[in-house]
Amino acid sequence: MKKLIAVAVLAATSALAASAFAGVTAKAPFKATYSGQTTEKVSGQNINALAKGTGTATVLGRSTISGTVQGTTANPPCSPFAGPGVIRSAKGTLKVNVANARGCAASEQDQNNISVSGTVKVKSGTGKLSKAKGSFHFSGRYDRQSGYFKVKLTGTLTY
């Protein structure tokens, strides 16, 4: 009888510990640098851009970034843009959304040298990142002539 009680207590303790750890999340500073290529489609003042790049991020390690944003050239020298994207790594995928972003030309004469900045909000995740939430600020450069971009992201990731 004592063995049965000991086994029952052990099972109950294990179940309680497992349920306690099931809700545990980690919160970590997020820093990343990505570079790659962007392809634009321009129709009048509307711009549709597809960006794909590679880089390294804390928490994720080597990873890729991709997304499609829409913007307009109606408000020079800076143009707002926004859209969905993903950051993929061996640990999982972060589904993100670019918001409150803008691209600013270096000058009226230099429309190819663009500085970009804005916010990336984590909508959801997969794999080890399935409970991911967070917000990152990004800033960087984009060369419209070559399509090359480089951005840095900083913020906090909870997963």
Protein backbone atom coordinates (compact mmCIF):
# COMPACT_ATOMS: atom_id res chain seq x y z
CA MET A 1 0.00 0.00 0.00
CA LYS A 2 2.88 2.40 0.82
CA LYS A 3 4.39 1.79 -2.63
CA LEU A 4 1.07 2.57 -4.30
CA ILE A 5 0.75 5.86 -2.37
CA ALA A 6 4.38 6.76 -3.19
CA VAL A 7 3.78 6.09 -6.91
CA ALA A 8 0.56 8.14 -6.86
CA VAL A 9 2.33 11.06 -5.11
CA LEU A 10 5.21 10.86 -7.59
CA ALA A 11 2.82 10.83 -10.57
CA ALA A 12 0.82 13.76 -9.19
CA THR A 13 4.00 15.76 -8.51
CA SER A 14 5.33 15.05 -12.02
CA ALA A 15 2.03 16.09 -13.62
CA LEU A 16 1.96 19.29 -11.57
CA ALA A 17 5.58 20.13 -12.49
CA ALA A 18 4.95 19.42 -16.18
CA SER A 19 1.88 21.66 -16.24
CA ALA A 20 3.81 24.43 -14.47
CA PHE A 21 6.62 24.32 -17.05
CA ALA A 22 4.19 24.12 -19.99
CA GLY A 23 3.31 27.80 -19.51
CA VAL A 24 6.90 29.02 -19.09
CA THR A 25 8.06 31.50 -21.69
CA ALA A 26 11.43 33.08 -22.23
CA LYS A 27 11.97 36.79 -22.81
CA ALA A 28 15.14 37.82 -24.59
CA PRO A 29 16.66 40.86 -26.26
CA PHE A 30 16.42 40.48 -30.03
CA LYS A 31 19.16 41.83 -32.29
CA ALA A 32 19.51 40.88 -35.95
CA THR A 33 21.18 41.97 -39.16
CA TYR A 34 19.86 40.90 -42.57
CA SER A 35 20.90 41.71 -46.12
CA GLY A 36 19.61 40.62 -49.49
CA GLN A 37 17.74 41.62 -52.62
CA THR A 38 14.50 43.46 -53.26
CA THR A 39 12.43 43.37 -56.43
CA GLU A 40 10.05 46.28 -57.06
CA LYS A 41 6.98 46.59 -59.23
CA VAL A 42 5.91 50.19 -59.79
CA SER A 43 2.50 51.19 -61.09
CA GLY A 44 2.03 54.96 -61.11
CA GLN A 45 2.70 56.07 -57.53
CA ASN A 46 2.15 52.58 -56.07
CA ILE A 47 5.09 50.32 -55.25
CA ASN A 48 4.95 46.59 -54.49
CA ALA A 49 8.27 45.20 -53.23
CA LEU A 50 9.39 41.64 -52.47
CA ALA A 51 12.45 41.36 -50.22
CA LYS A 52 14.49 38.22 -49.46
CA GLY A 53 17.62 38.10 -47.34
CA THR A 54 19.83 36.15 -44.95
CA GLY A 55 21.46 37.01 -41.67
CA THR A 56 21.93 36.23 -38.02
CA ALA A 57 19.70 36.98 -35.04
CA THR A 58 20.00 36.44 -31.32
CA VAL A 59 17.70 33.61 -30.21
CA LEU A 60 17.39 32.39 -33.85
CA GLY A 61 20.99 32.11 -35.08
CA ARG A 62 21.38 31.93 -38.87
CA SER A 63 18.07 32.78 -40.44
CA THR A 64 16.29 34.14 -43.49
CA ILE A 65 13.86 37.01 -43.89
CA SER A 66 11.29 37.58 -46.61
CA GLY A 67 8.23 39.70 -47.13
CA THR A 68 6.12 41.78 -49.43
CA VAL A 69 5.36 45.42 -48.72
CA GLN A 70 3.22 48.00 -50.42
CA GLY A 71 4.02 51.68 -50.50
CA THR A 72 3.44 54.88 -52.37
CA THR A 73 5.62 57.64 -53.74
CA ALA A 74 2.85 60.21 -53.26
CA ASN A 75 4.58 61.95 -50.31
CA PRO A 76 8.24 62.64 -51.21
CA PRO A 77 10.89 62.62 -49.92
CA CYS A 78 9.63 59.87 -47.56
CA SER A 79 7.15 57.15 -48.52
CA PRO A 80 5.18 54.96 -46.09
CA PHE A 81 5.14 51.19 -46.54
CA ALA A 82 3.74 48.13 -44.75
CA GLY A 83 3.13 44.42 -45.24
CA PRO A 84 3.54 40.84 -44.02
CA GLY A 85 6.71 38.77 -43.81
CA VAL A 86 8.45 35.81 -42.19
CA ILE A 87 11.73 35.16 -40.42
CA ARG A 88 12.79 31.49 -40.67
CA SER A 89 15.37 29.60 -38.65
CA ALA A 90 16.08 26.05 -37.49
CA LYS A 91 14.16 26.89 -34.28
CA GLY A 92 10.98 27.87 -36.12
CA THR A 93 9.31 30.61 -38.10
CA LEU A 94 8.18 34.04 -36.95
CA LYS A 95 5.23 35.48 -38.85
CA VAL A 96 5.64 39.25 -38.75
CA ASN A 97 4.06 42.44 -40.00
CA VAL A 98 5.93 45.60 -40.98
CA ALA A 99 4.09 48.72 -39.76
CA ASN A 100 4.74 52.43 -39.30
CA ALA A 101 7.57 52.12 -41.82
CA ARG A 102 8.98 54.60 -44.27
CA GLY A 103 11.59 54.87 -46.95
CA CYS A 104 13.32 58.21 -47.48
CA ALA A 105 15.36 59.16 -50.54
CA ALA A 106 18.78 60.70 -49.89
CA SER A 107 17.81 63.75 -51.94
CA GLU A 108 15.67 64.92 -54.82
CA GLN A 109 18.57 64.09 -57.16
CA ASP A 110 19.40 60.75 -55.51
CA GLN A 111 16.21 58.66 -55.55
CA ASN A 112 18.14 55.34 -55.49
CA ASN A 113 19.79 55.74 -52.06
CA ILE A 114 16.94 55.02 -49.62
CA SER A 115 17.05 54.92 -45.82
CA VAL A 116 14.36 52.67 -44.32
CA SER A 117 12.99 52.43 -40.78
CA GLY A 118 9.92 51.23 -38.95
CA THR A 119 8.47 48.57 -36.69
CA VAL A 120 8.21 44.81 -37.08
CA LYS A 121 5.52 43.18 -34.95
CA VAL A 122 5.57 39.41 -34.32
CA LYS A 123 2.09 37.99 -35.02
CA SER A 124 2.80 34.30 -34.35
CA GLY A 125 5.41 31.58 -34.53
CA THR A 126 6.00 27.89 -35.19
CA GLY A 127 8.25 25.19 -33.73
CA LYS A 128 10.13 26.31 -30.60
CA LEU A 129 8.79 29.80 -31.32
CA SER A 130 5.10 28.79 -31.27
CA LYS A 131 4.28 31.22 -28.43
CA ALA A 132 6.32 34.08 -29.91
CA LYS A 133 5.35 37.69 -29.37
CA GLY A 134 7.41 40.81 -29.71
CA SER A 135 8.16 44.05 -31.44
CA PHE A 136 11.36 45.16 -33.14
CA HIS A 137 12.54 48.50 -34.49
CA PHE A 138 14.37 48.27 -37.82
CA SER A 139 16.58 50.66 -39.74
CA GLY A 140 18.82 50.31 -42.74
CA ARG A 141 19.60 51.15 -46.35
CA TYR A 142 18.15 50.15 -49.69
CA ASP A 143 19.72 50.76 -53.09
CA ARG A 144 16.90 50.91 -55.63
CA GLN A 145 19.28 50.63 -58.58
CA SER A 146 20.90 47.34 -57.51
CA GLY A 147 18.06 46.04 -55.31
CA TYR A 148 20.46 45.45 -52.37
CA PHE A 149 19.21 46.08 -48.82
CA LYS A 150 20.70 45.80 -45.33
CA VAL A 151 18.67 46.24 -42.13
CA LYS A 152 19.24 45.92 -38.40
CA LEU A 153 16.47 44.93 -36.02
CA THR A 154 16.41 45.47 -32.24
CA GLY A 155 13.71 44.72 -29.69
CA THR A 156 12.41 42.05 -27.36
CA LEU A 157 11.17 38.56 -28.22
CA THR A 158 9.03 36.51 -25.85
CA TYR A 159 8.74 32.85 -26.81
